[in-house]
Amino acid sequence: MTDMEVREFMTSEKADAIRLVWDVFLEFEAPDYTEEGIRTFRDFIHDEEAINELRFYGAYEKEKLAGVIATRHADTHIALFFVRSNYQKRGIGRKLFETVLKNCTTSTITVNSSPYATEVYNKLGFVDTDTEQTVKGMRFTPMQYQKVIPVNH
């Protein structure tokens, strides 16, 4: 991985992030969802109020947006996590997640993982907290990551 920069988005950059999220969703997630689930997801990413509540981080390689992670509740819940297909399996997702870990002030991070991403989250250290569920056509498995807090002697 060369020249990769991860930084928080400025508001003006969120439109680029949403385009990336939608493109990657259509490629990898939509095949596992019903029409209702696809509509639910599309409505969420186009809900300006909901999106403005999220904190976005982007991974850039030579000024090109390669991946996005967005959190809510002071970085304690991952709401969106997408990496372009041609950038996957290069450590970009891990770098995005490590940025969230660094900024999160609590010991637990949660996510409702799509079927496609559960293996990715497992590799990052997340564990399932329940079985797969479907709400408004969206299939997901609730998961959580427990930060290891060093003990001071």
C-alpha atoms as a PDB file:
ATOM      1  CA  MET A   1       0.000   0.000   0.000  1.00  0.00           C
ATOM      2  CA  THR A   2       1.598   3.237  -1.127  1.00  0.00           C
ATOM      3  CA  ASP A   3       0.803   6.859  -0.388  1.00  0.00           C
ATOM      4  CA  MET A   4      -2.397   6.087   1.529  1.00  0.00           C
ATOM      5  CA  GLU A   5      -3.850   8.923   3.581  1.00  0.00           C
ATOM      6  CA  VAL A   6      -6.785   8.474   5.963  1.00  0.00           C
ATOM      7  CA  ARG A   7      -8.521  11.609   7.157  1.00  0.00           C
ATOM      8  CA  GLU A   8     -11.866  12.892   8.337  1.00  0.00           C
ATOM      9  CA  PHE A   9     -14.115  14.230   5.585  1.00  0.00           C
ATOM     10  CA  MET A  10     -15.089  17.811   5.220  1.00  0.00           C
ATOM     11  CA  THR A  11     -18.824  18.320   4.621  1.00  0.00           C
ATOM     12  CA  SER A  12     -18.188  19.201   0.987  1.00  0.00           C
ATOM     13  CA  GLU A  13     -16.647  15.757   0.402  1.00  0.00           C
ATOM     14  CA  LYS A  14     -19.602  13.711   1.653  1.00  0.00           C
ATOM     15  CA  ALA A  15     -21.210  13.530  -1.812  1.00  0.00           C
ATOM     16  CA  ASP A  16     -18.121  11.681  -3.102  1.00  0.00           C
ATOM     17  CA  ALA A  17     -18.324   9.318  -0.142  1.00  0.00           C
ATOM     18  CA  ILE A  18     -22.003   8.567  -0.757  1.00  0.00           C
ATOM     19  CA  ARG A  19     -21.278   7.816  -4.442  1.00  0.00           C
ATOM     20  CA  LEU A  20     -18.539   5.361  -3.428  1.00  0.00           C
ATOM     21  CA  VAL A  21     -20.822   3.750  -0.816  1.00  0.00           C
ATOM     22  CA  TRP A  22     -23.647   3.314  -3.344  1.00  0.00           C
ATOM     23  CA  ASP A  23     -21.371   1.903  -6.068  1.00  0.00           C
ATOM     24  CA  VAL A  24     -19.766  -0.641  -3.733  1.00  0.00           C
ATOM     25  CA  PHE A  25     -23.149  -1.503  -2.181  1.00  0.00           C
ATOM     26  CA  LEU A  26     -24.591  -2.283  -5.615  1.00  0.00           C
ATOM     27  CA  GLU A  27     -21.604  -4.461  -6.486  1.00  0.00           C
ATOM     28  CA  PHE A  28     -21.259  -6.496  -3.285  1.00  0.00           C
ATOM     29  CA  GLU A  29     -24.282  -6.044  -1.016  1.00  0.00           C
ATOM     30  CA  ALA A  30     -27.360  -5.605  -3.222  1.00  0.00           C
ATOM     31  CA  PRO A  31     -27.246  -9.206  -4.521  1.00  0.00           C
ATOM     32  CA  ASP A  32     -27.978 -10.387  -0.934  1.00  0.00           C
ATOM     33  CA  TYR A  33     -30.901  -7.968  -0.437  1.00  0.00           C
ATOM     34  CA  THR A  34     -34.517  -7.783  -1.509  1.00  0.00           C
ATOM     35  CA  GLU A  35     -35.839  -4.752  -3.405  1.00  0.00           C
ATOM     36  CA  GLU A  36     -37.103  -3.462  -0.041  1.00  0.00           C
ATOM     37  CA  GLY A  37     -33.618  -3.777   1.475  1.00  0.00           C
ATOM     38  CA  ILE A  38     -31.994  -1.975  -1.458  1.00  0.00           C
ATOM     39  CA  ARG A  39     -34.596   0.803  -1.193  1.00  0.00           C
ATOM     40  CA  THR A  40     -34.084   1.054   2.591  1.00  0.00           C
ATOM     41  CA  PHE A  41     -30.332   1.428   2.144  1.00  0.00           C
ATOM     42  CA  ARG A  42     -30.678   3.966  -0.685  1.00  0.00           C
ATOM     43  CA  ASP A  43     -33.136   6.004   1.381  1.00  0.00           C
ATOM     44  CA  PHE A  44     -30.725   5.992   4.348  1.00  0.00           C
ATOM     45  CA  ILE A  45     -27.702   7.224   2.385  1.00  0.00           C
ATOM     46  CA  HIS A  46     -29.820   9.953   0.787  1.00  0.00           C
ATOM     47  CA  ASP A  47     -31.294  11.113   4.119  1.00  0.00           C
ATOM     48  CA  GLU A  48     -29.295  14.300   4.619  1.00  0.00           C
ATOM     49  CA  GLU A  49     -30.171  14.565   8.314  1.00  0.00           C
ATOM     50  CA  ALA A  50     -29.047  10.987   9.022  1.00  0.00           C
ATOM     51  CA  ILE A  51     -25.861  11.379   6.981  1.00  0.00           C
ATOM     52  CA  ASN A  52     -24.985  14.667   8.679  1.00  0.00           C
ATOM     53  CA  GLU A  53     -25.080  12.875  12.054  1.00  0.00           C
ATOM     54  CA  LEU A  54     -22.282  10.574  10.913  1.00  0.00           C
ATOM     55  CA  ARG A  55     -18.550  11.148  11.215  1.00  0.00           C
ATOM     56  CA  PHE A  56     -16.885  10.163   7.940  1.00  0.00           C
ATOM     57  CA  TYR A  57     -13.301   9.105   7.334  1.00  0.00           C
ATOM     58  CA  GLY A  58     -11.876   8.508   3.875  1.00  0.00           C
ATOM     59  CA  ALA A  59      -8.859   6.589   2.625  1.00  0.00           C
ATOM     60  CA  TYR A  60      -7.179   8.347  -0.266  1.00  0.00           C
ATOM     61  CA  GLU A  61      -4.517   7.029  -2.588  1.00  0.00           C
ATOM     62  CA  LYS A  62      -2.998   9.786  -4.715  1.00  0.00           C
ATOM     63  CA  GLU A  63      -6.073  11.978  -4.091  1.00  0.00           C
ATOM     64  CA  LYS A  64      -8.468   9.206  -5.219  1.00  0.00           C
ATOM     65  CA  LEU A  65     -11.056   8.076  -2.681  1.00  0.00           C
ATOM     66  CA  ALA A  66     -10.471   4.348  -2.131  1.00  0.00           C
ATOM     67  CA  GLY A  67     -12.613   3.650   0.940  1.00  0.00           C
ATOM     68  CA  VAL A  68     -15.005   5.142   3.467  1.00  0.00           C
ATOM     69  CA  ILE A  69     -15.952   4.428   7.064  1.00  0.00           C
ATOM     70  CA  ALA A  70     -18.660   6.405   8.863  1.00  0.00           C
ATOM     71  CA  THR A  71     -19.565   6.233  12.534  1.00  0.00           C
ATOM     72  CA  ARG A  72     -22.182   7.548  14.892  1.00  0.00           C
ATOM     73  CA  HIS A  73     -22.365   7.994  18.654  1.00  0.00           C
ATOM     74  CA  ALA A  74     -18.804   9.343  19.062  1.00  0.00           C
ATOM     75  CA  ASP A  75     -17.239   6.598  16.925  1.00  0.00           C
ATOM     76  CA  THR A  76     -18.857   3.770  18.925  1.00  0.00           C
ATOM     77  CA  HIS A  77     -21.038   2.395  16.078  1.00  0.00           C
ATOM     78  CA  ILE A  78     -19.974   1.811  12.479  1.00  0.00           C
ATOM     79  CA  ALA A  79     -22.816   2.868  10.167  1.00  0.00           C
ATOM     80  CA  LEU A  80     -21.044   2.587   6.786  1.00  0.00           C
ATOM     81  CA  PHE A  81     -17.835   0.798   5.794  1.00  0.00           C
ATOM     82  CA  PHE A  82     -17.008   0.388   2.089  1.00  0.00           C
ATOM     83  CA  VAL A  83     -13.823  -0.040   0.046  1.00  0.00           C
ATOM     84  CA  ARG A  84     -13.788   0.069  -3.766  1.00  0.00           C
ATOM     85  CA  SER A  85     -13.302  -3.409  -5.280  1.00  0.00           C
ATOM     86  CA  ASN A  86      -9.966  -2.574  -6.918  1.00  0.00           C
ATOM     87  CA  TYR A  87      -8.609  -1.453  -3.511  1.00  0.00           C
ATOM     88  CA  GLN A  88      -9.853  -4.422  -1.454  1.00  0.00           C
ATOM     89  CA  LYS A  89      -7.461  -6.856   0.242  1.00  0.00           C
ATOM     90  CA  ARG A  90      -4.756  -4.166   0.476  1.00  0.00           C
ATOM     91  CA  GLY A  91      -5.174  -3.198   4.143  1.00  0.00           C
ATOM     92  CA  ILE A  92      -7.255  -0.093   3.433  1.00  0.00           C
ATOM     93  CA  GLY A  93     -10.234  -1.295   5.469  1.00  0.00           C
ATOM     94  CA  ARG A  94      -7.956  -2.105   8.400  1.00  0.00           C
ATOM     95  CA  LYS A  95      -6.379   1.352   8.186  1.00  0.00           C
ATOM     96  CA  LEU A  96      -9.838   2.981   8.177  1.00  0.00           C
ATOM     97  CA  PHE A  97     -10.920   0.866  11.161  1.00  0.00           C
ATOM     98  CA  GLU A  98      -7.711   1.681  13.065  1.00  0.00           C
ATOM     99  CA  THR A  99      -8.495   5.378  12.591  1.00  0.00           C
ATOM    100  CA  VAL A 100     -11.906   4.830  14.194  1.00  0.00           C
ATOM    101  CA  LEU A 101     -10.295   2.815  17.010  1.00  0.00           C
ATOM    102  CA  LYS A 102      -7.852   5.640  17.691  1.00  0.00           C
ATOM    103  CA  ASN A 103     -10.679   8.210  17.903  1.00  0.00           C
ATOM    104  CA  CYS A 104     -13.200   6.105  19.830  1.00  0.00           C
ATOM    105  CA  THR A 105     -13.273   6.973  23.530  1.00  0.00           C
ATOM    106  CA  THR A 106     -15.158   3.882  24.743  1.00  0.00           C
ATOM    107  CA  SER A 107     -14.019   0.267  24.948  1.00  0.00           C
ATOM    108  CA  THR A 108     -16.736  -1.166  22.671  1.00  0.00           C
ATOM    109  CA  ILE A 109     -17.533  -0.566  19.003  1.00  0.00           C
ATOM    110  CA  THR A 110     -20.663  -2.062  17.442  1.00  0.00           C
ATOM    111  CA  VAL A 111     -21.800  -2.735  13.878  1.00  0.00           C
ATOM    112  CA  ASN A 112     -24.718  -4.377  12.114  1.00  0.00           C
ATOM    113  CA  SER A 113     -22.766  -6.284   9.473  1.00  0.00           C
ATOM    114  CA  SER A 114     -24.139  -7.207   6.076  1.00  0.00           C
ATOM    115  CA  PRO A 115     -23.751 -10.858   5.069  1.00  0.00           C
ATOM    116  CA  TYR A 116     -20.916  -9.883   2.716  1.00  0.00           C
ATOM    117  CA  ALA A 117     -18.867  -8.133   5.420  1.00  0.00           C
ATOM    118  CA  THR A 118     -19.109 -10.472   8.439  1.00  0.00           C
ATOM    119  CA  GLU A 119     -15.842 -12.210   7.513  1.00  0.00           C
ATOM    120  CA  VAL A 120     -14.099  -8.831   7.204  1.00  0.00           C
ATOM    121  CA  TYR A 121     -15.343  -7.786  10.634  1.00  0.00           C
ATOM    122  CA  ASN A 122     -14.276 -11.154  12.122  1.00  0.00           C
ATOM    123  CA  LYS A 123     -10.748 -10.563  10.772  1.00  0.00           C
ATOM    124  CA  LEU A 124     -10.756  -7.132  12.448  1.00  0.00           C
ATOM    125  CA  GLY A 125     -11.636  -8.779  15.786  1.00  0.00           C
ATOM    126  CA  PHE A 126     -15.420  -8.369  15.922  1.00  0.00           C
ATOM    127  CA  VAL A 127     -17.615 -11.126  17.365  1.00  0.00           C
ATOM    128  CA  ASP A 128     -21.282 -11.836  16.680  1.00  0.00           C
ATOM    129  CA  THR A 129     -23.604 -10.710  19.466  1.00  0.00           C
ATOM    130  CA  ASP A 130     -26.739 -12.232  17.899  1.00  0.00           C
ATOM    131  CA  THR A 131     -27.874 -14.230  14.877  1.00  0.00           C
ATOM    132  CA  GLU A 132     -28.562 -12.703  11.461  1.00  0.00           C
ATOM    133  CA  GLN A 133     -31.667 -10.534  11.352  1.00  0.00           C
ATOM    134  CA  THR A 134     -33.691  -8.794   8.666  1.00  0.00           C
ATOM    135  CA  VAL A 135     -35.290  -5.377   9.202  1.00  0.00           C
ATOM    136  CA  LYS A 136     -36.975  -3.508   6.338  1.00  0.00           C
ATOM    137  CA  GLY A 137     -35.295  -5.895   3.915  1.00  0.00           C
ATOM    138  CA  MET A 138     -31.806  -5.239   5.323  1.00  0.00           C
ATOM    139  CA  ARG A 139     -29.982  -8.432   6.355  1.00  0.00           C
ATOM    140  CA  PHE A 140     -27.422  -7.970   9.123  1.00  0.00           C
ATOM    141  CA  THR A 141     -25.614  -9.654  11.991  1.00  0.00           C
ATOM    142  CA  PRO A 142     -25.104  -7.544  15.135  1.00  0.00           C
ATOM    143  CA  MET A 143     -21.414  -7.592  16.082  1.00  0.00           C
ATOM    144  CA  GLN A 144     -19.095  -5.893  18.533  1.00  0.00           C
ATOM    145  CA  TYR A 145     -15.422  -5.169  18.986  1.00  0.00           C
ATOM    146  CA  GLN A 146     -13.927  -4.957  22.458  1.00  0.00           C
ATOM    147  CA  LYS A 147     -10.887  -2.678  22.682  1.00  0.00           C
ATOM    148  CA  VAL A 148      -8.020  -3.949  24.749  1.00  0.00           C
ATOM    149  CA  ILE A 149      -7.344  -1.269  27.326  1.00  0.00           C
ATOM    150  CA  PRO A 150      -3.788  -1.479  28.722  1.00  0.00           C
ATOM    151  CA  VAL A 151      -3.703  -1.898  32.471  1.00  0.00           C
ATOM    152  CA  ASN A 152      -1.434   0.609  34.229  1.00  0.00           C
ATOM    153  CA  HIS A 153       0.575  -0.900  37.067  1.00  0.00           C
END
